[in-house]
N, C-alpha and C. Protein backbone atom coordinates (compact mmCIF):
# COMPACT_ATOMS: atom_id res chain seq x y z
N UNK A 1 -0.41 -26.61 13.40
CA UNK A 1 -1.49 -25.66 13.48
C UNK A 1 -0.87 -24.42 14.20
N UNK A 2 -1.29 -23.24 13.64
CA UNK A 2 -0.84 -21.95 14.22
C UNK A 2 -1.62 -21.71 15.50
N UNK A 3 -0.91 -21.17 16.49
CA UNK A 3 -1.53 -20.80 17.77
C UNK A 3 -2.15 -19.39 17.52
N UNK A 4 -3.44 -19.32 17.84
CA UNK A 4 -4.13 -18.07 17.65
C UNK A 4 -4.90 -17.78 18.96
N UNK A 5 -4.82 -16.52 19.42
CA UNK A 5 -5.56 -16.15 20.60
C UNK A 5 -6.09 -14.71 20.39
N UNK A 6 -7.10 -14.35 21.13
CA UNK A 6 -7.67 -13.04 21.18
C UNK A 6 -7.20 -12.35 22.42
N UNK A 7 -6.71 -11.19 22.37
CA UNK A 7 -6.39 -10.41 23.56
C UNK A 7 -7.35 -9.27 23.71
N UNK A 8 -7.88 -9.19 24.92
CA UNK A 8 -8.77 -8.03 25.19
C UNK A 8 -7.88 -6.96 25.81
N UNK A 9 -7.87 -5.80 25.12
CA UNK A 9 -6.91 -4.75 25.43
C UNK A 9 -7.69 -3.48 25.83
N UNK A 10 -7.19 -2.80 26.86
CA UNK A 10 -7.80 -1.50 27.29
C UNK A 10 -6.73 -0.46 27.04
N UNK A 11 -7.24 0.70 26.50
CA UNK A 11 -6.29 1.83 26.27
C UNK A 11 -7.10 3.09 26.28
N UNK A 12 -6.99 3.83 27.40
CA UNK A 12 -7.65 5.07 27.57
C UNK A 12 -6.71 6.15 27.12
N UNK A 13 -5.47 6.01 27.46
CA UNK A 13 -4.43 6.96 26.97
C UNK A 13 -3.13 6.22 27.27
N UNK A 14 -2.13 6.59 26.48
CA UNK A 14 -0.83 5.95 26.71
C UNK A 14 -0.69 4.58 26.24
N UNK A 15 -0.01 3.73 26.95
CA UNK A 15 0.31 2.36 26.49
C UNK A 15 -0.92 1.43 26.69
N UNK A 16 -1.24 0.60 25.72
CA UNK A 16 -2.34 -0.35 25.89
C UNK A 16 -1.95 -1.34 26.91
N UNK A 17 -2.99 -1.94 27.62
CA UNK A 17 -2.79 -2.92 28.64
C UNK A 17 -3.67 -4.11 28.37
N UNK A 18 -3.04 -5.33 28.17
CA UNK A 18 -3.76 -6.55 27.95
C UNK A 18 -4.45 -6.94 29.20
N UNK A 19 -5.78 -7.12 29.07
CA UNK A 19 -6.59 -7.56 30.29
C UNK A 19 -6.89 -9.06 30.37
N UNK A 20 -7.00 -9.65 29.15
CA UNK A 20 -7.33 -11.10 29.17
C UNK A 20 -6.86 -11.71 27.83
N UNK A 21 -6.73 -12.97 27.80
CA UNK A 21 -6.39 -13.78 26.60
C UNK A 21 -7.42 -14.88 26.50
N UNK A 22 -7.98 -15.03 25.26
CA UNK A 22 -8.94 -16.08 25.02
C UNK A 22 -8.36 -17.01 23.94
N UNK A 23 -8.40 -18.32 24.29
CA UNK A 23 -7.77 -19.28 23.37
C UNK A 23 -8.90 -20.22 22.77
N UNK A 24 -10.11 -19.94 23.08
CA UNK A 24 -11.21 -20.84 22.63
C UNK A 24 -11.37 -20.67 21.14
N UNK A 25 -11.22 -21.72 20.34
CA UNK A 25 -11.28 -21.70 18.86
C UNK A 25 -12.66 -21.10 18.39
N UNK A 26 -13.80 -21.50 19.03
CA UNK A 26 -15.02 -21.01 18.55
C UNK A 26 -15.13 -19.51 18.77
N UNK A 27 -14.67 -19.04 19.85
CA UNK A 27 -14.67 -17.57 20.14
C UNK A 27 -13.79 -16.81 19.18
N UNK A 28 -12.66 -17.44 18.85
CA UNK A 28 -11.72 -16.81 17.84
C UNK A 28 -12.41 -16.74 16.48
N UNK A 29 -13.01 -17.84 16.12
CA UNK A 29 -13.74 -17.87 14.80
C UNK A 29 -14.94 -16.81 14.81
N UNK A 30 -15.57 -16.74 15.88
CA UNK A 30 -16.75 -15.70 15.92
C UNK A 30 -16.16 -14.28 15.86
N UNK A 31 -15.03 -14.09 16.56
CA UNK A 31 -14.41 -12.70 16.54
C UNK A 31 -13.88 -12.35 15.12
N UNK A 32 -13.36 -13.37 14.41
CA UNK A 32 -12.80 -13.14 13.09
C UNK A 32 -13.99 -12.82 12.10
N UNK A 33 -15.06 -13.54 12.24
CA UNK A 33 -16.22 -13.34 11.41
C UNK A 33 -16.83 -11.98 11.63
N UNK A 34 -16.85 -11.59 12.95
CA UNK A 34 -17.40 -10.30 13.24
C UNK A 34 -16.51 -9.10 12.73
N UNK A 35 -15.19 -9.34 12.80
CA UNK A 35 -14.25 -8.29 12.18
C UNK A 35 -14.48 -8.17 10.74
N UNK A 36 -14.61 -9.25 10.05
CA UNK A 36 -14.87 -9.16 8.57
C UNK A 36 -16.20 -8.54 8.25
N UNK A 37 -17.26 -8.87 9.06
CA UNK A 37 -18.56 -8.29 8.84
C UNK A 37 -18.56 -6.79 9.12
N UNK A 38 -17.82 -6.35 10.17
CA UNK A 38 -17.68 -4.90 10.38
C UNK A 38 -16.99 -4.15 9.30
N UNK A 39 -15.92 -4.78 8.79
CA UNK A 39 -15.20 -4.15 7.69
C UNK A 39 -16.05 -4.03 6.40
N UNK A 40 -16.82 -5.08 6.20
CA UNK A 40 -17.73 -5.05 5.00
C UNK A 40 -18.80 -4.00 5.10
N UNK A 41 -19.32 -3.87 6.36
CA UNK A 41 -20.34 -2.84 6.58
C UNK A 41 -19.78 -1.43 6.43
N UNK A 42 -18.57 -1.28 6.87
CA UNK A 42 -17.86 0.06 6.63
C UNK A 42 -17.75 0.37 5.19
N UNK A 43 -17.37 -0.63 4.34
CA UNK A 43 -17.24 -0.42 2.98
C UNK A 43 -18.48 -0.09 2.33
N UNK A 44 -19.64 -0.74 2.73
CA UNK A 44 -20.97 -0.40 2.20
C UNK A 44 -21.39 0.96 2.58
N UNK A 45 -21.04 1.44 3.76
CA UNK A 45 -21.35 2.81 4.18
C UNK A 45 -20.65 3.82 3.32
N UNK A 46 -19.39 3.51 3.04
CA UNK A 46 -18.55 4.41 2.25
C UNK A 46 -19.04 4.55 0.78
N UNK A 47 -19.69 3.57 0.27
CA UNK A 47 -20.15 3.58 -1.12
C UNK A 47 -21.02 4.78 -1.43
N UNK A 48 -21.87 5.18 -0.46
CA UNK A 48 -22.75 6.29 -0.66
C UNK A 48 -21.99 7.61 -0.68
N UNK A 49 -20.87 7.65 0.08
CA UNK A 49 -20.15 8.93 0.15
C UNK A 49 -18.99 9.07 -0.88
N UNK A 50 -18.26 7.97 -1.13
CA UNK A 50 -17.03 8.14 -1.94
C UNK A 50 -16.71 6.79 -2.52
N UNK A 51 -16.78 6.62 -3.85
CA UNK A 51 -16.47 5.39 -4.53
C UNK A 51 -14.98 4.91 -4.32
N UNK A 52 -14.10 5.86 -4.37
CA UNK A 52 -12.72 5.46 -4.25
C UNK A 52 -12.40 5.01 -2.84
N UNK A 53 -12.90 5.68 -1.87
CA UNK A 53 -12.68 5.22 -0.46
C UNK A 53 -13.34 3.84 -0.23
N UNK A 54 -14.55 3.68 -0.83
CA UNK A 54 -15.23 2.39 -0.71
C UNK A 54 -14.41 1.25 -1.37
N UNK A 55 -13.83 1.52 -2.50
CA UNK A 55 -13.00 0.51 -3.20
C UNK A 55 -11.78 0.21 -2.36
N UNK A 56 -11.18 1.13 -1.72
CA UNK A 56 -10.03 0.92 -0.83
C UNK A 56 -10.41 0.11 0.34
N UNK A 57 -11.60 0.37 0.88
CA UNK A 57 -12.10 -0.37 2.07
C UNK A 57 -12.38 -1.79 1.66
N UNK A 58 -12.92 -2.03 0.46
CA UNK A 58 -13.22 -3.41 0.00
C UNK A 58 -11.86 -4.18 -0.16
N UNK A 59 -10.81 -3.48 -0.56
CA UNK A 59 -9.52 -4.09 -0.65
C UNK A 59 -9.00 -4.49 0.74
N UNK A 60 -9.29 -3.65 1.69
CA UNK A 60 -8.83 -3.95 3.07
C UNK A 60 -9.62 -5.13 3.63
N UNK A 61 -10.93 -5.20 3.24
CA UNK A 61 -11.77 -6.34 3.68
C UNK A 61 -11.15 -7.65 3.17
N UNK A 62 -10.75 -7.66 1.86
CA UNK A 62 -10.20 -8.88 1.30
C UNK A 62 -8.92 -9.22 1.90
N UNK A 63 -8.10 -8.22 2.18
CA UNK A 63 -6.75 -8.43 2.83
C UNK A 63 -7.03 -9.03 4.28
N UNK A 64 -7.96 -8.46 4.97
CA UNK A 64 -8.28 -8.90 6.35
C UNK A 64 -8.76 -10.39 6.27
N UNK A 65 -9.69 -10.71 5.31
CA UNK A 65 -10.22 -12.01 5.18
C UNK A 65 -9.08 -13.00 4.88
N UNK A 66 -8.20 -12.65 3.89
CA UNK A 66 -7.09 -13.53 3.55
C UNK A 66 -6.19 -13.80 4.69
N UNK A 67 -5.79 -12.72 5.44
CA UNK A 67 -4.90 -12.90 6.59
C UNK A 67 -5.52 -13.84 7.67
N UNK A 68 -6.84 -13.59 7.95
CA UNK A 68 -7.49 -14.36 9.01
C UNK A 68 -7.63 -15.85 8.58
N UNK A 69 -7.91 -16.06 7.29
CA UNK A 69 -8.05 -17.43 6.84
C UNK A 69 -6.71 -18.17 6.88
N UNK A 70 -5.58 -17.47 6.75
CA UNK A 70 -4.32 -18.08 6.85
C UNK A 70 -4.11 -18.70 8.24
N UNK A 71 -4.50 -17.99 9.27
CA UNK A 71 -4.19 -18.41 10.63
C UNK A 71 -5.32 -19.14 11.34
N UNK A 72 -6.53 -19.05 10.69
CA UNK A 72 -7.68 -19.73 11.28
C UNK A 72 -8.31 -20.62 10.13
N UNK A 73 -7.84 -21.84 9.99
CA UNK A 73 -8.36 -22.65 8.91
C UNK A 73 -9.86 -22.88 8.87
N UNK A 74 -10.45 -22.94 10.11
CA UNK A 74 -11.90 -23.12 10.21
C UNK A 74 -12.66 -21.98 9.46
N UNK A 75 -12.08 -20.80 9.44
CA UNK A 75 -12.75 -19.69 8.77
C UNK A 75 -12.80 -19.95 7.30
N UNK A 76 -11.69 -20.46 6.76
CA UNK A 76 -11.63 -20.81 5.30
C UNK A 76 -12.63 -21.91 5.03
N UNK A 77 -12.72 -22.91 5.84
CA UNK A 77 -13.67 -23.95 5.66
C UNK A 77 -15.10 -23.56 5.69
N UNK A 78 -15.40 -22.67 6.67
CA UNK A 78 -16.83 -22.11 6.75
C UNK A 78 -17.14 -21.29 5.57
N UNK A 79 -16.18 -20.47 5.10
CA UNK A 79 -16.48 -19.60 3.91
C UNK A 79 -16.75 -20.47 2.68
N UNK A 80 -16.01 -21.59 2.56
CA UNK A 80 -16.23 -22.49 1.44
C UNK A 80 -17.54 -23.17 1.49
N UNK A 81 -18.04 -23.62 2.65
CA UNK A 81 -19.29 -24.28 2.81
C UNK A 81 -20.45 -23.34 2.65
N UNK A 82 -20.25 -22.09 3.05
CA UNK A 82 -21.29 -21.08 2.88
C UNK A 82 -21.49 -20.78 1.42
N UNK A 83 -20.40 -20.60 0.66
CA UNK A 83 -20.40 -20.36 -0.78
C UNK A 83 -21.08 -21.51 -1.54
N UNK A 84 -20.85 -22.76 -1.06
CA UNK A 84 -21.38 -23.92 -1.72
C UNK A 84 -22.91 -23.94 -1.56
N UNK A 85 -23.47 -23.41 -0.41
CA UNK A 85 -24.87 -23.45 -0.16
C UNK A 85 -25.60 -22.40 -0.99
N UNK A 86 -24.93 -21.26 -1.22
CA UNK A 86 -25.49 -20.22 -1.98
C UNK A 86 -25.55 -20.58 -3.43
């Protein structure tokens, strides 16, 4: 299993500084789902303004989802079970 952690980083200017590390799998899963949801919302917002930018953002959403599912197997399993319910 791949080691995955969330780092809380502060950067007001200059070099970023890591403040904390979170190893809790549920917190990591929640953060990954939130990142995907935010990227999807951004793509939806762009649809009203520019179709090309919205399409590029949707591609970034899929790339983000794919990368996160590689390192967080629970995310892939949850996506599969959600799709089966729909």
